[in-house]
Amino acid sequence: MQEPSAPVPLPSTALSRIRLRHLTCFVAIAEERTLAGAATRLRLSQPAVSKTLAELELVAGRRLVDRGRAGASLTEDGSRFLRHALEVTRAMESASQALTRESAPGIAPLRIGALPTVAGGLLPRALVRLHRARPHAWVQVLSASNPELVAALTAGRIECAIGRMAEPGAMRGISFELLYTESLAVVARPQHPLATGPDRPVPASALLDYPLVVPGPGTAPRLQADAFLQSVGADAPTRCTETASLTLARAVTLLSDAVWITSRHASQLDVDRGLLAPLDVAVPQSAEPVGVLRRTRTPLSDLAEEVVDLIRAAA
């Protein structure tokens, strides 16, 4: 079987013909995964995006993007080229920010991702500590579902993410470092009739007498919550609010007699401050692993490493 040939470097004459607009367009196509999406993002017409990509491929002397009905996908050459295109566009973005940002010249944003349950509990503690040590640190957080985090990480839109393991195919080029295992918590406002304290356990079936707030469909916490509810004979509770928004779930719980079934870290900050009370309900202690996702071939920046260290300490 013949070994795959090594990548052929571009001649210097070709490199001199590549412009920043080519790289910006290519990165947008790679991240949006459609030419139409890239056109919308760049505020260009789709023919203009197609023309710019064609120019880049002509200069490169090879196809970088496969176009099809399902969208645009990178070829093997395109995947290799993307890493370098991202480095250039990020460097130019940092240079631009150094010239325009008045309060902290020269600082570029750290872009990270986090599951909503992490963004609402563990991550704030780490960021508070970070800003005490680095008052001018600039962090942008993408709070999204695990598939969205993995896609953003693969495309280079974020440096790292706090999330879960994905399917093996989606984890190509991504490593996972375990931080903790997540379990369910059942919480309500402190004045709730079921908030009787640890000396008076609450039967799980009693939860069905009150409106429930549960995680959005398809998420790991929701699968845990469904298994728990099915164990007490509630396959499809009728008085139920489904949401991936911690802000909405928290508000409904604080303002009513609703019972919130959620990940422990999502409610821990409010429990620690006495705003929510954990109900003494026996819930299955299934452990869902949560950890740091990062690209295997791209080292983290110093600021990203510092944030990861703080998240480890908070976990």
Protein backbone atom coordinates (compact mmCIF):
# COMPACT_ATOMS: atom_id res chain seq x y z
CA MET A 1 0.00 0.00 0.00
CA GLN A 2 1.43 3.36 -1.05
CA GLU A 3 2.13 5.85 1.74
CA PRO A 4 0.29 9.19 1.45
CA SER A 5 2.51 11.86 -0.06
CA ALA A 6 3.81 14.65 2.13
CA PRO A 7 2.23 18.09 1.67
CA VAL A 8 3.94 20.09 -1.09
CA PRO A 9 4.86 23.60 0.10
CA LEU A 10 3.60 26.56 -1.91
CA PRO A 11 6.21 28.46 -3.90
CA SER A 12 7.10 31.91 -2.60
CA THR A 13 5.52 33.54 -5.67
CA ALA A 14 2.18 31.97 -4.73
CA LEU A 15 2.47 33.05 -1.10
CA SER A 16 2.99 36.66 -2.16
CA ARG A 17 -0.36 36.59 -3.99
CA ILE A 18 -2.40 35.49 -0.96
CA ARG A 19 -4.20 38.44 0.62
CA LEU A 20 -5.84 38.84 4.01
CA ARG A 21 -9.28 38.87 2.34
CA HIS A 22 -8.55 35.37 1.01
CA LEU A 23 -7.73 34.10 4.50
CA THR A 24 -10.68 35.85 6.14
CA CYS A 25 -13.05 34.39 3.57
CA PHE A 26 -11.56 30.89 3.89
CA VAL A 27 -11.81 30.94 7.70
CA ALA A 28 -15.44 32.12 7.50
CA ILE A 29 -16.31 29.26 5.13
CA ALA A 30 -14.57 26.73 7.40
CA GLU A 31 -16.40 27.99 10.49
CA GLU A 32 -19.84 28.54 8.93
CA ARG A 33 -19.62 25.36 6.82
CA THR A 34 -21.64 26.94 4.01
CA LEU A 35 -20.79 29.61 1.46
CA ALA A 36 -24.11 31.30 2.20
CA GLY A 37 -23.29 31.46 5.91
CA ALA A 38 -19.85 32.89 5.17
CA ALA A 39 -21.40 35.48 2.87
CA THR A 40 -23.83 36.59 5.57
CA ARG A 41 -21.06 36.80 8.17
CA LEU A 42 -18.75 38.79 5.88
CA ARG A 43 -21.60 40.94 4.52
CA LEU A 44 -20.75 39.92 0.98
CA SER A 45 -22.73 38.31 -1.81
CA GLN A 46 -22.41 34.56 -2.21
CA PRO A 47 -20.87 34.95 -5.70
CA ALA A 48 -18.21 37.24 -4.17
CA VAL A 49 -17.37 34.57 -1.59
CA SER A 50 -17.20 31.89 -4.30
CA LYS A 51 -14.91 34.10 -6.39
CA THR A 52 -12.57 34.81 -3.46
CA LEU A 53 -12.34 31.12 -2.62
CA ALA A 54 -11.67 30.27 -6.27
CA GLU A 55 -8.86 32.84 -6.32
CA LEU A 56 -7.30 31.30 -3.21
CA GLU A 57 -7.52 27.78 -4.60
CA LEU A 58 -6.00 28.96 -7.89
CA VAL A 59 -3.07 30.51 -6.04
CA ALA A 60 -2.71 27.43 -3.83
CA GLY A 61 -2.89 25.12 -6.82
CA ARG A 62 -5.16 22.68 -5.01
CA ARG A 63 -8.75 22.32 -3.83
CA LEU A 64 -9.26 23.47 -0.24
CA VAL A 65 -13.04 23.16 0.10
CA ASP A 66 -15.48 20.56 -1.19
CA ARG A 67 -18.89 22.06 -2.03
CA GLY A 68 -22.00 19.95 -1.91
CA ARG A 69 -25.68 19.95 -1.04
CA ALA A 70 -24.81 19.36 2.61
CA GLY A 71 -22.63 22.48 2.68
CA ALA A 72 -18.91 23.13 2.50
CA SER A 73 -16.32 20.80 4.02
CA LEU A 74 -12.56 21.15 4.09
CA THR A 75 -10.34 18.84 2.10
CA GLU A 76 -7.24 17.37 3.74
CA ASP A 77 -5.21 20.27 2.31
CA GLY A 78 -7.87 22.68 3.52
CA SER A 79 -7.72 21.33 7.08
CA ARG A 80 -3.94 21.78 7.15
CA PHE A 81 -4.23 25.27 5.69
CA LEU A 82 -6.93 26.30 8.20
CA ARG A 83 -4.57 26.08 11.17
CA HIS A 84 -2.19 28.58 9.58
CA ALA A 85 -4.96 30.82 8.26
CA LEU A 86 -6.37 31.06 11.79
CA GLU A 87 -2.97 32.05 13.17
CA VAL A 88 -2.68 34.87 10.63
CA THR A 89 -6.22 36.20 11.09
CA ARG A 90 -5.90 36.08 14.88
CA ALA A 91 -2.58 37.91 14.73
CA MET A 92 -4.13 40.63 12.57
CA GLU A 93 -7.11 40.87 14.93
CA SER A 94 -4.75 41.24 17.90
CA ALA A 95 -2.79 43.92 16.05
CA SER A 96 -5.99 45.81 15.30
CA GLN A 97 -7.11 45.58 18.92
CA ALA A 98 -3.72 46.84 20.07
CA LEU A 99 -4.30 50.00 18.03
CA THR A 100 -7.94 50.58 18.93
CA ARG A 101 -8.44 49.32 22.50
CA GLU A 102 -7.82 52.27 24.82
CA SER A 103 -8.25 50.79 28.30
CA ALA A 104 -5.75 47.95 27.96
CA PRO A 105 -3.60 48.32 24.82
CA GLY A 106 -2.22 45.17 23.26
CA ILE A 107 -4.57 42.74 25.01
CA ALA A 108 -6.41 40.24 22.83
CA PRO A 109 -9.47 38.35 24.07
CA LEU A 110 -9.27 34.81 25.37
CA ARG A 111 -12.14 32.89 23.82
CA ILE A 112 -13.33 29.85 25.74
CA GLY A 113 -16.47 27.75 25.80
CA ALA A 114 -18.49 26.20 28.59
CA LEU A 115 -21.62 24.15 29.08
CA PRO A 116 -24.46 26.25 30.55
CA THR A 117 -24.20 24.30 33.82
CA VAL A 118 -20.50 25.19 34.03
CA ALA A 119 -20.99 28.80 32.93
CA GLY A 120 -23.56 29.23 35.69
CA GLY A 121 -21.56 27.71 38.52
CA LEU A 122 -17.94 26.65 38.28
CA LEU A 123 -16.65 29.12 35.69
CA PRO A 124 -17.68 32.35 37.50
CA ARG A 125 -15.56 31.38 40.52
CA ALA A 126 -12.53 30.85 38.29
CA LEU A 127 -13.06 34.12 36.40
CA VAL A 128 -13.43 36.14 39.60
CA ARG A 129 -10.07 34.81 40.77
CA LEU A 130 -8.54 35.49 37.36
CA HIS A 131 -9.59 39.15 37.37
CA ARG A 132 -8.23 39.63 40.86
CA ALA A 133 -4.83 38.49 39.59
CA ARG A 134 -5.14 40.04 36.12
CA PRO A 135 -7.43 43.10 36.23
CA HIS A 136 -7.07 43.72 32.48
CA ALA A 137 -7.75 40.14 31.36
CA TRP A 138 -10.27 40.06 28.53
CA VAL A 139 -12.29 36.83 28.34
CA GLN A 140 -15.09 35.98 25.93
CA VAL A 141 -17.22 32.97 26.95
CA LEU A 142 -19.35 30.92 24.58
CA SER A 143 -22.08 29.15 26.57
CA ALA A 144 -23.45 26.37 24.38
CA SER A 145 -24.39 22.72 24.10
CA ASN A 146 -21.62 20.14 23.95
CA PRO A 147 -21.91 19.53 20.17
CA GLU A 148 -21.70 23.30 19.60
CA LEU A 149 -18.64 23.57 21.85
CA VAL A 150 -16.85 20.73 20.04
CA ALA A 151 -17.66 22.30 16.66
CA ALA A 152 -16.41 25.72 17.79
CA LEU A 153 -13.22 24.17 19.17
CA THR A 154 -12.58 22.21 15.98
CA ALA A 155 -13.11 25.33 13.86
CA GLY A 156 -10.75 27.36 16.05
CA ARG A 157 -13.37 29.83 17.29
CA ILE A 158 -12.42 29.07 20.91
CA GLU A 159 -9.14 27.98 22.54
CA CYS A 160 -10.60 25.45 24.92
CA ALA A 161 -13.91 24.42 26.44
CA ILE A 162 -15.29 22.95 29.63
CA GLY A 163 -17.56 20.20 28.40
CA ARG A 164 -18.12 16.48 27.98
CA MET A 165 -16.67 13.72 25.86
CA ALA A 166 -18.29 13.51 22.43
CA GLU A 167 -18.58 10.70 19.90
CA PRO A 168 -15.13 9.42 18.79
CA GLY A 169 -15.57 10.87 15.30
CA ALA A 170 -16.17 14.36 16.68
CA MET A 171 -13.21 14.11 19.06
CA ARG A 172 -10.58 13.77 16.32
CA GLY A 173 -7.76 16.16 17.19
CA ILE A 174 -9.34 17.01 20.57
CA SER A 175 -8.19 15.83 24.00
CA PHE A 176 -10.28 15.52 27.17
CA GLU A 177 -8.98 16.07 30.71
CA LEU A 178 -11.38 15.01 33.47
CA LEU A 179 -12.16 17.71 36.03
CA TYR A 180 -15.06 16.21 37.97
CA THR A 181 -18.13 14.02 37.66
CA GLU A 182 -21.49 15.76 37.70
CA SER A 183 -24.56 14.48 39.54
CA LEU A 184 -28.14 15.70 39.88
CA ALA A 185 -29.48 18.10 42.48
CA VAL A 186 -33.10 18.88 43.35
CA VAL A 187 -33.58 22.43 44.65
CA ALA A 188 -36.37 24.86 45.50
CA ARG A 189 -36.75 28.23 47.19
CA PRO A 190 -36.05 28.07 50.95
CA GLN A 191 -39.73 28.74 51.79
CA HIS A 192 -40.93 25.80 49.67
CA PRO A 193 -43.19 23.30 51.51
CA LEU A 194 -40.73 20.49 50.70
CA ALA A 195 -37.69 22.39 52.01
CA THR A 196 -37.92 20.69 55.40
CA GLY A 197 -34.21 20.21 56.11
CA PRO A 198 -31.93 17.15 56.20
CA ASP A 199 -33.73 15.51 59.14
CA ARG A 200 -36.94 15.00 57.14
CA PRO A 201 -36.26 13.25 53.82
CA VAL A 202 -38.68 14.02 50.99
CA PRO A 203 -40.20 11.09 49.06
CA ALA A 204 -39.33 11.43 45.38
CA SER A 205 -43.00 10.96 44.46
CA ALA A 206 -43.84 14.16 46.39
CA LEU A 207 -42.05 16.20 43.73
CA LEU A 208 -44.86 15.39 41.29
CA ASP A 209 -47.25 17.51 43.36
CA TYR A 210 -45.39 20.64 42.21
CA PRO A 211 -44.38 22.17 38.88
CA LEU A 212 -41.01 20.89 37.71
CA VAL A 213 -38.18 22.69 35.93
CA VAL A 214 -35.88 20.37 33.97
CA PRO A 215 -32.91 20.77 31.58
CA GLY A 216 -33.47 21.05 27.84
CA PRO A 217 -34.01 17.89 25.75
CA GLY A 218 -31.00 15.95 24.52
CA THR A 219 -28.58 17.11 27.21
CA ALA A 220 -26.80 14.81 29.67
CA PRO A 221 -28.51 16.41 32.72
CA ARG A 222 -31.89 15.92 31.02
CA LEU A 223 -31.20 12.23 30.43
CA GLN A 224 -30.34 11.91 34.13
CA ALA A 225 -33.49 13.81 35.12
CA ASP A 226 -35.68 11.66 32.85
CA ALA A 227 -34.26 8.46 34.34
CA PHE A 228 -34.92 9.80 37.84
CA LEU A 229 -38.51 10.82 37.04
CA GLN A 230 -39.24 7.50 35.35
CA SER A 231 -38.09 5.74 38.52
CA VAL A 232 -40.96 7.44 40.38
CA GLY A 233 -43.52 6.79 37.65
CA ALA A 234 -43.42 10.12 35.83
CA ASP A 235 -42.62 9.34 32.21
CA ALA A 236 -43.93 12.68 30.95
CA PRO A 237 -44.75 15.18 33.70
CA THR A 238 -47.44 17.59 32.53
CA ARG A 239 -46.56 20.48 34.83
CA CYS A 240 -43.05 20.92 33.53
CA THR A 241 -40.84 23.71 32.17
CA GLU A 242 -38.05 22.50 29.88
CA THR A 243 -35.20 24.94 29.31
CA ALA A 244 -31.47 25.08 28.66
CA SER A 245 -31.43 28.58 30.16
CA LEU A 246 -30.18 28.60 33.74
CA THR A 247 -31.41 32.18 34.07
CA LEU A 248 -34.99 31.17 33.27
CA ALA A 249 -34.88 27.97 35.35
CA ARG A 250 -33.50 29.87 38.34
CA ALA A 251 -36.07 32.68 38.06
CA VAL A 252 -39.04 30.30 37.83
CA THR A 253 -37.75 28.41 40.89
CA LEU A 254 -37.16 31.56 42.96
CA LEU A 255 -40.56 33.03 42.11
CA SER A 256 -42.78 29.98 42.65
CA ASP A 257 -43.16 26.57 44.26
CA ALA A 258 -41.51 24.94 41.25
CA VAL A 259 -38.87 22.27 41.91
CA TRP A 260 -35.71 22.51 39.81
CA ILE A 261 -33.95 19.28 38.81
CA THR A 262 -30.52 20.27 37.54
CA SER A 263 -26.80 19.57 37.66
CA ARG A 264 -25.31 20.12 41.09
CA HIS A 265 -22.81 22.74 39.92
CA ALA A 266 -25.56 24.74 38.19
CA SER A 267 -27.34 25.47 41.48
CA GLN A 268 -24.41 25.35 43.92
CA LEU A 269 -23.73 29.10 43.97
CA ASP A 270 -27.35 29.89 44.90
CA VAL A 271 -27.38 27.10 47.49
CA ASP A 272 -24.17 28.44 49.07
CA ARG A 273 -25.73 31.92 49.31
CA GLY A 274 -29.00 30.65 50.78
CA LEU A 275 -31.09 31.67 47.78
CA LEU A 276 -32.04 28.07 46.96
CA ALA A 277 -32.39 25.06 49.24
CA PRO A 278 -31.41 21.49 48.32
CA LEU A 279 -34.28 19.08 48.90
CA ASP A 280 -33.44 15.90 50.78
CA VAL A 281 -34.51 13.59 47.96
CA ALA A 282 -32.77 10.34 47.07
CA VAL A 283 -31.62 10.84 43.47
CA PRO A 284 -29.52 8.39 41.44
CA GLN A 285 -25.87 9.37 41.77
CA SER A 286 -24.94 8.67 38.17
CA ALA A 287 -21.67 10.42 37.42
CA GLU A 288 -21.36 12.40 34.18
CA PRO A 289 -17.72 13.31 33.41
CA VAL A 290 -16.97 16.98 32.75
CA GLY A 291 -13.55 18.21 31.75
CA VAL A 292 -11.29 20.41 29.64
CA LEU A 293 -11.50 20.02 25.88
CA ARG A 294 -8.61 21.33 23.80
CA ARG A 295 -7.03 20.83 20.40
CA THR A 296 -4.18 18.33 20.60
CA ARG A 297 -1.90 20.10 18.13
CA THR A 298 -2.39 23.67 19.30
CA PRO A 299 -0.85 24.71 22.64
CA LEU A 300 -2.95 26.92 24.88
CA SER A 301 -1.97 30.54 25.42
CA ASP A 302 -0.58 31.51 28.83
CA LEU A 303 -3.90 33.13 29.78
CA ALA A 304 -5.87 30.05 28.75
CA GLU A 305 -3.55 27.83 30.81
CA GLU A 306 -4.09 30.12 33.80
CA VAL A 307 -7.88 29.93 33.44
CA VAL A 308 -7.73 26.13 33.16
CA ASP A 309 -5.60 26.00 36.34
CA LEU A 310 -8.18 28.14 38.17
CA ILE A 311 -11.02 25.92 36.93
CA ARG A 312 -9.14 22.85 38.17
CA ALA A 313 -8.81 24.51 41.59
CA ALA A 314 -12.50 25.47 41.65
CA ALA A 315 -13.55 21.95 40.69
